[in-house]
Every structure is written in structure tokens, then in C-alpha cells.
All heavy atoms as atom14 arrays in JSON, in Angstrom:
{
  "sequence": "GGTTYYADSVKGRFTISRDNAENTVYLQMNSL",
  "atom14_mask": [
    [1, 1, 1, 1, 0, 0, 0, 0, 0, 0, 0, 0, 0, 0],
    [1, 1, 1, 1, 0, 0, 0, 0, 0, 0, 0, 0, 0, 0],
    [1, 1, 1, 1, 1, 1, 1, 0, 0, 0, 0, 0, 0, 0],
    [1, 1, 1, 1, 1, 1, 1, 0, 0, 0, 0, 0, 0, 0],
    [1, 1, 1, 1, 1, 1, 1, 1, 1, 1, 1, 1, 0, 0],
    [1, 1, 1, 1, 1, 1, 1, 1, 1, 1, 1, 1, 0, 0],
    [1, 1, 1, 1, 1, 0, 0, 0, 0, 0, 0, 0, 0, 0],
    [1, 1, 1, 1, 1, 1, 1, 1, 0, 0, 0, 0, 0, 0],
    [1, 1, 1, 1, 1, 1, 0, 0, 0, 0, 0, 0, 0, 0],
    [1, 1, 1, 1, 1, 1, 1, 0, 0, 0, 0, 0, 0, 0],
    [1, 1, 1, 1, 1, 1, 1, 1, 1, 0, 0, 0, 0, 0],
    [1, 1, 1, 1, 0, 0, 0, 0, 0, 0, 0, 0, 0, 0],
    [1, 1, 1, 1, 1, 1, 1, 1, 1, 1, 1, 0, 0, 0],
    [1, 1, 1, 1, 1, 1, 1, 1, 1, 1, 1, 0, 0, 0],
    [1, 1, 1, 1, 1, 1, 1, 0, 0, 0, 0, 0, 0, 0],
    [1, 1, 1, 1, 1, 1, 1, 1, 0, 0, 0, 0, 0, 0],
    [1, 1, 1, 1, 1, 1, 0, 0, 0, 0, 0, 0, 0, 0],
    [1, 1, 1, 1, 1, 1, 1, 1, 1, 1, 1, 0, 0, 0],
    [1, 1, 1, 1, 1, 1, 1, 1, 0, 0, 0, 0, 0, 0],
    [1, 1, 1, 1, 1, 1, 1, 1, 0, 0, 0, 0, 0, 0],
    [1, 1, 1, 1, 1, 0, 0, 0, 0, 0, 0, 0, 0, 0],
    [1, 1, 1, 1, 1, 1, 1, 1, 1, 0, 0, 0, 0, 0],
    [1, 1, 1, 1, 1, 1, 1, 1, 0, 0, 0, 0, 0, 0],
    [1, 1, 1, 1, 1, 1, 1, 0, 0, 0, 0, 0, 0, 0],
    [1, 1, 1, 1, 1, 1, 1, 0, 0, 0, 0, 0, 0, 0],
    [1, 1, 1, 1, 1, 1, 1, 1, 1, 1, 1, 1, 0, 0],
    [1, 1, 1, 1, 1, 1, 1, 1, 0, 0, 0, 0, 0, 0],
    [1, 1, 1, 1, 1, 1, 1, 1, 1, 0, 0, 0, 0, 0],
    [1, 1, 1, 1, 1, 1, 1, 1, 0, 0, 0, 0, 0, 0],
    [1, 1, 1, 1, 1, 1, 1, 1, 0, 0, 0, 0, 0, 0],
    [1, 1, 1, 1, 1, 1, 0, 0, 0, 0, 0, 0, 0, 0],
    [1, 1, 1, 1, 1, 1, 1, 1, 0, 0, 0, 0, 0, 0]
  ],
  "atom14_positions": [
    [[-4.46, 3.28, 11.61], [-3.23, 3.25, 12.39], [-2.01, 2.78, 11.62], [-0.9, 2.79, 12.16], [0.0, 0.0, 0.0], [0.0, 0.0, 0.0], [0.0, 0.0, 0.0], [0.0, 0.0, 0.0], [0.0, 0.0, 0.0], [0.0, 0.0, 0.0], [0.0, 0.0, 0.0], [0.0, 0.0, 0.0], [0.0, 0.0, 0.0], [0.0, 0.0, 0.0]],
    [[-2.23, 2.36, 10.38], [-1.1, 1.98, 9.54], [-0.84, 0.5, 9.39], [0.12, 0.1, 8.73], [0.0, 0.0, 0.0], [0.0, 0.0, 0.0], [0.0, 0.0, 0.0], [0.0, 0.0, 0.0], [0.0, 0.0, 0.0], [0.0, 0.0, 0.0], [0.0, 0.0, 0.0], [0.0, 0.0, 0.0], [0.0, 0.0, 0.0], [0.0, 0.0, 0.0]],
    [[-1.68, -0.34, 9.98], [-1.52, -1.78, 9.79], [-1.95, -2.15, 8.38], [-3.0, -1.71, 7.92], [-2.35, -2.55, 10.82], [-1.94, -2.18, 12.13], [-2.17, -4.06, 10.64], [0.0, 0.0, 0.0], [0.0, 0.0, 0.0], [0.0, 0.0, 0.0], [0.0, 0.0, 0.0], [0.0, 0.0, 0.0], [0.0, 0.0, 0.0], [0.0, 0.0, 0.0]],
    [[-1.13, -2.97, 7.72], [-1.39, -3.29, 6.32], [-1.7, -4.76, 6.11], [-1.34, -5.63, 6.91], [-0.17, -2.92, 5.46], [0.98, -3.6, 5.96], [0.07, -1.42, 5.48], [0.0, 0.0, 0.0], [0.0, 0.0, 0.0], [0.0, 0.0, 0.0], [0.0, 0.0, 0.0], [0.0, 0.0, 0.0], [0.0, 0.0, 0.0], [0.0, 0.0, 0.0]],
    [[-2.37, -5.01, 4.99], [-2.66, -6.36, 4.51], [-2.35, -6.39, 3.02], [-2.62, -5.41, 2.3], [-4.13, -6.72, 4.72], [-4.62, -7.78, 3.76], [-4.41, -9.13, 4.01], [-5.24, -7.42, 2.57], [-4.82, -10.11, 3.1], [-5.67, -8.39, 1.65], [-5.45, -9.72, 1.93], [-5.85, -10.68, 1.03], [0.0, 0.0, 0.0], [0.0, 0.0, 0.0]],
    [[-1.79, -7.5, 2.54], [-1.53, -7.67, 1.12], [-1.99, -9.05, 0.67], [-1.79, -10.04, 1.38], [-0.04, -7.53, 0.83], [0.52, -6.17, 1.14], [1.16, -5.92, 2.36], [0.4, -5.12, 0.24], [1.65, -4.66, 2.67], [0.9, -3.86, 0.53], [1.51, -3.64, 1.75], [2.0, -2.39, 2.05], [0.0, 0.0, 0.0], [0.0, 0.0, 0.0]],
    [[-2.59, -9.09, -0.5], [-2.89, -10.37, -1.11], [-1.58, -11.07, -1.45], [-0.56, -10.42, -1.73], [-3.71, -10.16, -2.38], [0.0, 0.0, 0.0], [0.0, 0.0, 0.0], [0.0, 0.0, 0.0], [0.0, 0.0, 0.0], [0.0, 0.0, 0.0], [0.0, 0.0, 0.0], [0.0, 0.0, 0.0], [0.0, 0.0, 0.0], [0.0, 0.0, 0.0]],
    [[-1.61, -12.38, -1.42], [-0.38, -13.14, -1.68], [0.22, -12.8, -3.05], [1.44, -12.8, -3.21], [-0.68, -14.64, -1.62], [-0.9, -15.13, -0.2], [-0.54, -14.41, 0.75], [-1.46, -16.23, -0.04], [0.0, 0.0, 0.0], [0.0, 0.0, 0.0], [0.0, 0.0, 0.0], [0.0, 0.0, 0.0], [0.0, 0.0, 0.0], [0.0, 0.0, 0.0]],
    [[-0.62, -12.48, -4.0], [-0.15, -12.23, -5.36], [0.68, -10.96, -5.47], [1.43, -10.79, -6.44], [-1.34, -12.15, -6.32], [-2.25, -11.14, -5.92], [0.0, 0.0, 0.0], [0.0, 0.0, 0.0], [0.0, 0.0, 0.0], [0.0, 0.0, 0.0], [0.0, 0.0, 0.0], [0.0, 0.0, 0.0], [0.0, 0.0, 0.0], [0.0, 0.0, 0.0]],
    [[0.58, -10.05, -4.5], [1.31, -8.78, -4.59], [2.27, -8.58, -3.43], [3.03, -7.61, -3.41], [0.34, -7.58, -4.67], [-0.67, -7.78, -5.8], [-0.36, -7.34, -3.36], [0.0, 0.0, 0.0], [0.0, 0.0, 0.0], [0.0, 0.0, 0.0], [0.0, 0.0, 0.0], [0.0, 0.0, 0.0], [0.0, 0.0, 0.0], [0.0, 0.0, 0.0]],
    [[2.27, -9.49, -2.48], [3.1, -9.34, -1.29], [4.57, -9.25, -1.68], [5.07, -10.03, -2.5], [2.86, -10.54, -0.36], [3.24, -10.32, 1.08], [2.79, -11.5, 1.94], [1.29, -11.57, 2.04], [0.83, -12.66, 2.94], [0.0, 0.0, 0.0], [0.0, 0.0, 0.0], [0.0, 0.0, 0.0], [0.0, 0.0, 0.0], [0.0, 0.0, 0.0]],
    [[5.25, -8.27, -1.09], [6.66, -8.07, -1.38], [6.92, -7.17, -2.58], [8.06, -6.77, -2.83], [0.0, 0.0, 0.0], [0.0, 0.0, 0.0], [0.0, 0.0, 0.0], [0.0, 0.0, 0.0], [0.0, 0.0, 0.0], [0.0, 0.0, 0.0], [0.0, 0.0, 0.0], [0.0, 0.0, 0.0], [0.0, 0.0, 0.0], [0.0, 0.0, 0.0]],
    [[5.87, -6.86, -3.35], [6.04, -6.01, -4.54], [5.27, -4.7, -4.42], [5.69, -3.69, -4.96], [5.56, -6.76, -5.78], [6.3, -8.06, -6.05], [5.89, -8.66, -7.4], [4.48, -9.02, -7.45], [3.61, -8.52, -8.32], [4.01, -7.63, -9.22], [2.33, -8.91, -8.31], [0.0, 0.0, 0.0], [0.0, 0.0, 0.0], [0.0, 0.0, 0.0]],
    [[4.13, -4.73, -3.76], [3.28, -3.55, -3.61], [3.37, -3.02, -2.18], [3.51, -3.8, -1.22], [1.82, -3.88, -3.91], [1.5, -4.18, -5.35], [2.49, -4.39, -6.3], [0.18, -4.27, -5.76], [2.18, -4.67, -7.62], [-0.15, -4.54, -7.06], [0.85, -4.75, -8.0], [0.0, 0.0, 0.0], [0.0, 0.0, 0.0], [0.0, 0.0, 0.0]],
    [[3.26, -1.7, -2.05], [3.23, -1.07, -0.74], [2.1, -0.06, -0.68], [2.03, 0.85, -1.52], [4.55, -0.36, -0.43], [5.63, -1.3, -0.5], [4.53, 0.24, 0.97], [0.0, 0.0, 0.0], [0.0, 0.0, 0.0], [0.0, 0.0, 0.0], [0.0, 0.0, 0.0], [0.0, 0.0, 0.0], [0.0, 0.0, 0.0], [0.0, 0.0, 0.0]],
    [[1.22, -0.21, 0.29], [0.12, 0.72, 0.47], [0.47, 1.69, 1.59], [1.11, 1.32, 2.58], [-1.21, -0.03, 0.78], [-2.4, 0.93, 0.77], [-1.11, -0.79, 2.09], [-3.75, 0.22, 0.83], [0.0, 0.0, 0.0], [0.0, 0.0, 0.0], [0.0, 0.0, 0.0], [0.0, 0.0, 0.0], [0.0, 0.0, 0.0], [0.0, 0.0, 0.0]],
    [[0.07, 2.95, 1.41], [0.28, 3.96, 2.44], [-0.88, 4.95, 2.4], [-1.66, 4.96, 1.44], [1.62, 4.67, 2.24], [1.68, 5.3, 0.98], [0.0, 0.0, 0.0], [0.0, 0.0, 0.0], [0.0, 0.0, 0.0], [0.0, 0.0, 0.0], [0.0, 0.0, 0.0], [0.0, 0.0, 0.0], [0.0, 0.0, 0.0], [0.0, 0.0, 0.0]],
    [[-0.98, 5.75, 3.43], [-2.08, 6.7, 3.47], [-1.65, 7.98, 4.15], [-0.76, 7.98, 5.0], [-3.29, 6.1, 4.2], [-3.07, 5.81, 5.68], [-4.18, 4.95, 6.26], [-5.46, 5.66, 6.32], [-6.63, 5.07, 6.53], [-6.7, 3.76, 6.67], [-7.74, 5.78, 6.6], [0.0, 0.0, 0.0], [0.0, 0.0, 0.0], [0.0, 0.0, 0.0]],
    [[-2.29, 9.07, 3.76], [-2.11, 10.37, 4.38], [-3.49, 10.84, 4.8], [-4.26, 11.36, 4.0], [-1.47, 11.34, 3.39], [-1.15, 12.69, 4.03], [-1.81, 13.07, 5.01], [-0.25, 13.36, 3.52], [0.0, 0.0, 0.0], [0.0, 0.0, 0.0], [0.0, 0.0, 0.0], [0.0, 0.0, 0.0], [0.0, 0.0, 0.0], [0.0, 0.0, 0.0]],
    [[-3.81, 10.61, 6.07], [-5.16, 10.93, 6.54], [-5.46, 12.42, 6.45], [-6.59, 12.82, 6.14], [-5.35, 10.46, 7.99], [-5.33, 8.95, 8.11], [-5.59, 8.23, 7.16], [-5.0, 8.46, 9.29], [0.0, 0.0, 0.0], [0.0, 0.0, 0.0], [0.0, 0.0, 0.0], [0.0, 0.0, 0.0], [0.0, 0.0, 0.0], [0.0, 0.0, 0.0]],
    [[-4.47, 13.24, 6.71], [-4.69, 14.68, 6.67], [-5.03, 15.17, 5.27], [-5.78, 16.14, 5.11], [-3.45, 15.41, 7.19], [0.0, 0.0, 0.0], [0.0, 0.0, 0.0], [0.0, 0.0, 0.0], [0.0, 0.0, 0.0], [0.0, 0.0, 0.0], [0.0, 0.0, 0.0], [0.0, 0.0, 0.0], [0.0, 0.0, 0.0], [0.0, 0.0, 0.0]],
    [[-4.47, 14.48, 4.27], [-4.71, 14.87, 2.88], [-5.78, 14.02, 2.21], [-6.02, 14.17, 1.01], [-3.41, 14.76, 2.09], [-2.32, 15.72, 2.56], [-2.71, 17.17, 2.36], [-3.41, 17.48, 1.36], [-2.32, 18.01, 3.19], [0.0, 0.0, 0.0], [0.0, 0.0, 0.0], [0.0, 0.0, 0.0], [0.0, 0.0, 0.0], [0.0, 0.0, 0.0]],
    [[-6.43, 13.12, 2.99], [-7.46, 12.24, 2.41], [-6.95, 11.52, 1.17], [-7.58, 11.53, 0.11], [-8.72, 13.04, 2.05], [-9.5, 13.45, 3.28], [-9.22, 13.01, 4.39], [-10.48, 14.31, 3.07], [0.0, 0.0, 0.0], [0.0, 0.0, 0.0], [0.0, 0.0, 0.0], [0.0, 0.0, 0.0], [0.0, 0.0, 0.0], [0.0, 0.0, 0.0]],
    [[-5.78, 10.9, 1.3], [-5.16, 10.25, 0.14], [-4.6, 8.88, 0.54], [-4.06, 8.73, 1.64], [-4.03, 11.12, -0.43], [-4.52, 12.42, -0.71], [-3.47, 10.5, -1.71], [0.0, 0.0, 0.0], [0.0, 0.0, 0.0], [0.0, 0.0, 0.0], [0.0, 0.0, 0.0], [0.0, 0.0, 0.0], [0.0, 0.0, 0.0], [0.0, 0.0, 0.0]],
    [[-4.77, 7.94, -0.36], [-4.18, 6.62, -0.2], [-3.32, 6.34, -1.42], [-3.7, 6.69, -2.55], [-5.27, 5.53, -0.08], [-4.65, 4.15, 0.08], [-6.16, 5.81, 1.12], [0.0, 0.0, 0.0], [0.0, 0.0, 0.0], [0.0, 0.0, 0.0], [0.0, 0.0, 0.0], [0.0, 0.0, 0.0], [0.0, 0.0, 0.0], [0.0, 0.0, 0.0]],
    [[-2.18, 5.72, -1.21], [-1.24, 5.43, -2.3], [-1.02, 3.93, -2.43], [-1.17, 3.18, -1.47], [0.11, 6.11, -2.03], [0.01, 7.6, -1.81], [-0.01, 8.13, -0.54], [-0.03, 8.47, -2.9], [-0.09, 9.49, -0.33], [-0.11, 9.83, -2.7], [-0.14, 10.34, -1.42], [-0.22, 11.69, -1.24], [0.0, 0.0, 0.0], [0.0, 0.0, 0.0]],
    [[-0.62, 3.54, -3.63], [-0.19, 2.16, -3.86], [1.06, 2.21, -4.71], [0.99, 2.54, -5.9], [-1.28, 1.33, -4.54], [-0.96, -0.16, -4.65], [-0.94, -0.82, -3.28], [-1.96, -0.88, -5.56], [0.0, 0.0, 0.0], [0.0, 0.0, 0.0], [0.0, 0.0, 0.0], [0.0, 0.0, 0.0], [0.0, 0.0, 0.0], [0.0, 0.0, 0.0]],
    [[2.18, 1.91, -4.1], [3.45, 1.82, -4.83], [3.57, 0.39, -5.36], [3.53, -0.57, -4.58], [4.63, 2.14, -3.91], [5.98, 1.99, -4.58], [6.2, 3.02, -5.67], [5.88, 4.19, -5.51], [6.76, 2.58, -6.8], [0.0, 0.0, 0.0], [0.0, 0.0, 0.0], [0.0, 0.0, 0.0], [0.0, 0.0, 0.0], [0.0, 0.0, 0.0]],
    [[3.67, 0.27, -6.67], [3.74, -1.04, -7.31], [5.08, -1.22, -7.98], [5.41, -0.47, -8.91], [2.59, -1.19, -8.32], [1.22, -0.9, -7.74], [-0.13, -1.28, -8.87], [0.21, -0.1, -10.15], [0.0, 0.0, 0.0], [0.0, 0.0, 0.0], [0.0, 0.0, 0.0], [0.0, 0.0, 0.0], [0.0, 0.0, 0.0], [0.0, 0.0, 0.0]],
    [[5.85, -2.16, -7.52], [7.16, -2.47, -8.08], [7.17, -3.87, -8.68], [6.28, -4.68, -8.39], [8.23, -2.36, -7.0], [8.34, -0.98, -6.4], [8.1, 0.03, -7.06], [8.7, -0.92, -5.13], [0.0, 0.0, 0.0], [0.0, 0.0, 0.0], [0.0, 0.0, 0.0], [0.0, 0.0, 0.0], [0.0, 0.0, 0.0], [0.0, 0.0, 0.0]],
    [[8.16, -4.15, -9.49], [8.33, -5.47, -10.11], [7.02, -5.93, -10.74], [6.56, -7.07, -10.55], [8.79, -6.49, -9.06], [10.0, -6.08, -8.47], [0.0, 0.0, 0.0], [0.0, 0.0, 0.0], [0.0, 0.0, 0.0], [0.0, 0.0, 0.0], [0.0, 0.0, 0.0], [0.0, 0.0, 0.0], [0.0, 0.0, 0.0], [0.0, 0.0, 0.0]],
    [[6.43, -5.05, -11.51], [5.13, -5.35, -12.09], [5.2, -6.5, -13.08], [6.2, -6.68, -13.79], [4.55, -4.11, -12.76], [3.96, -3.09, -11.77], [3.85, -1.72, -12.39], [2.6, -3.57, -11.29], [0.0, 0.0, 0.0], [0.0, 0.0, 0.0], [0.0, 0.0, 0.0], [0.0, 0.0, 0.0], [0.0, 0.0, 0.0], [0.0, 0.0, 0.0]]
  ]
}
């Protein structure tokens, strides 16, 4: 349903998303 969880070490920098129709999950990583 789109509810997310982030470890404290990446919170505010990483964003997870998913496309169920395409069977794909993404992780956008910023400020690495």
C-alpha cells in the first residue's frame, strides 16, 4: 500500500518506491 520504513542511518536521504504492475522496487539514494 506504500507505507515505508527507513533505518535511522538513511532516513531523510533514501527513498524507496515500488511499481507493483512492473514487479519493480526502487531505492533513490541521495547525499551518499
